[in-house]
Protein backbone atom coordinates (compact mmCIF):
# COMPACT_ATOMS: atom_id res chain seq x y z
CA MET A 1 18.89 -69.56 -111.50
CA THR A 2 15.99 -71.46 -113.00
CA ARG A 3 15.53 -75.07 -112.02
CA ARG A 4 14.39 -77.60 -114.54
CA HIS A 5 11.79 -79.99 -113.17
CA ARG A 6 12.77 -83.18 -114.93
CA SER A 7 10.70 -85.35 -112.62
CA ARG A 8 7.39 -83.95 -113.82
CA ARG A 9 5.31 -85.99 -116.20
CA ALA A 10 4.64 -84.07 -119.39
CA LEU A 11 1.06 -83.92 -120.56
CA GLU A 12 0.57 -85.40 -124.02
CA PRO A 13 -2.13 -84.43 -126.54
CA GLY A 14 -4.14 -87.48 -125.47
CA ASP A 15 -4.05 -86.21 -121.89
CA LEU A 16 -5.41 -82.87 -123.10
CA VAL A 17 -8.24 -84.66 -124.92
CA ALA A 18 -9.07 -86.60 -121.74
CA ILE A 19 -9.05 -83.39 -119.69
CA GLY A 20 -11.25 -81.73 -122.31
CA ALA A 21 -13.73 -84.59 -122.25
CA ALA A 22 -13.86 -84.62 -118.45
CA VAL A 23 -14.32 -80.87 -118.15
CA SER A 24 -16.86 -80.49 -120.94
CA GLY A 25 -18.74 -83.70 -120.29
CA ILE A 26 -19.32 -84.29 -124.00
CA GLY A 27 -17.17 -87.38 -124.39
CA THR A 28 -13.83 -88.19 -125.93
CA ASP A 29 -15.11 -88.91 -129.44
CA ALA A 30 -16.93 -85.58 -129.64
CA ILE A 31 -13.92 -83.71 -128.28
CA VAL A 32 -11.57 -85.29 -130.83
CA ALA A 33 -14.00 -84.74 -133.71
CA GLY A 34 -14.38 -81.05 -132.89
CA SER A 35 -10.82 -80.23 -131.89
CA ASP A 36 -7.83 -78.65 -133.57
CA VAL A 37 -5.50 -81.56 -132.82
CA ASP A 38 -2.52 -79.78 -134.40
CA LEU A 39 -2.85 -76.99 -131.84
CA LEU A 40 -3.03 -79.54 -129.02
CA VAL A 41 0.16 -81.20 -130.30
CA LEU A 42 1.94 -77.84 -130.45
CA ALA A 43 0.74 -76.81 -126.98
CA ALA A 44 1.84 -80.11 -125.44
CA ALA A 45 5.27 -79.85 -127.10
CA ALA A 46 5.74 -76.24 -126.00
CA ALA A 47 4.78 -77.08 -122.41
CA ARG A 48 7.10 -80.09 -122.39
CA ASP A 49 10.04 -77.88 -123.45
CA GLU A 50 9.50 -75.31 -120.70
CA PRO A 51 12.13 -75.46 -117.95
CA THR A 52 9.82 -74.50 -115.08
CA LEU A 53 6.45 -75.68 -113.81
CA ALA A 54 4.99 -72.21 -114.19
CA GLY A 55 6.24 -72.03 -117.76
CA ALA A 56 4.82 -75.46 -118.55
CA ALA A 57 1.44 -74.49 -117.07
CA ALA A 58 1.43 -71.24 -119.05
CA GLY A 59 2.50 -73.20 -122.12
CA LEU A 60 -0.84 -75.01 -121.95
CA LEU A 61 -3.05 -72.28 -120.52
CA VAL A 62 -2.33 -69.59 -123.10
CA PRO A 63 -2.62 -71.57 -126.36
CA ILE A 64 -5.72 -73.44 -125.21
CA ALA A 65 -7.50 -70.36 -123.86
CA SER A 66 -6.59 -68.14 -126.81
CA GLY A 67 -6.40 -70.71 -129.62
CA ARG A 68 -9.69 -72.36 -128.64
CA PRO A 69 -8.86 -75.82 -130.00
CA PHE A 70 -11.83 -77.53 -128.35
CA PRO A 71 -15.46 -77.27 -129.51
CA CYS A 72 -16.52 -75.81 -126.13
CA ASP A 73 -15.36 -74.87 -122.63
CA ASN A 74 -11.85 -73.83 -123.73
CA SER A 75 -11.18 -71.53 -120.78
CA ALA A 76 -12.16 -74.16 -118.22
CA ILE A 77 -10.18 -76.85 -120.05
CA ALA A 78 -7.14 -74.55 -120.23
CA TRP A 79 -7.22 -73.96 -116.47
CA ALA A 80 -7.70 -77.66 -115.76
CA ALA A 81 -4.76 -78.58 -118.02
CA ALA A 82 -2.53 -75.97 -116.38
CA THR A 83 -3.50 -77.29 -112.95
CA MET A 84 -2.62 -80.83 -114.03
CA VAL A 85 0.97 -79.70 -114.69
CA PHE A 86 1.35 -79.06 -110.98
CA ALA A 87 -0.63 -82.16 -109.99
CA SER A 88 1.58 -84.43 -112.12
CA THR A 89 4.75 -83.38 -110.30
CA PRO A 90 5.87 -85.52 -107.37
């Protein structure tokens, strides 16, 4: 049986932009200007719909690492976003 973690806070596209800016160090404006925002919206929605923490983390990790929506540091940003799924759960 799979448990749904309803108490976790879903990461929104804006959260992903903030994570991207923090990891890359290039600033929020530069991240937004160089990002595929549509992919970030889809990744956040897919992660939000996942019933498990692992699924939600993978729902961010895979599309960010493979889709490369940010102008730089996509792998590091993907891992940081996936980690934040677990950190945002009480």
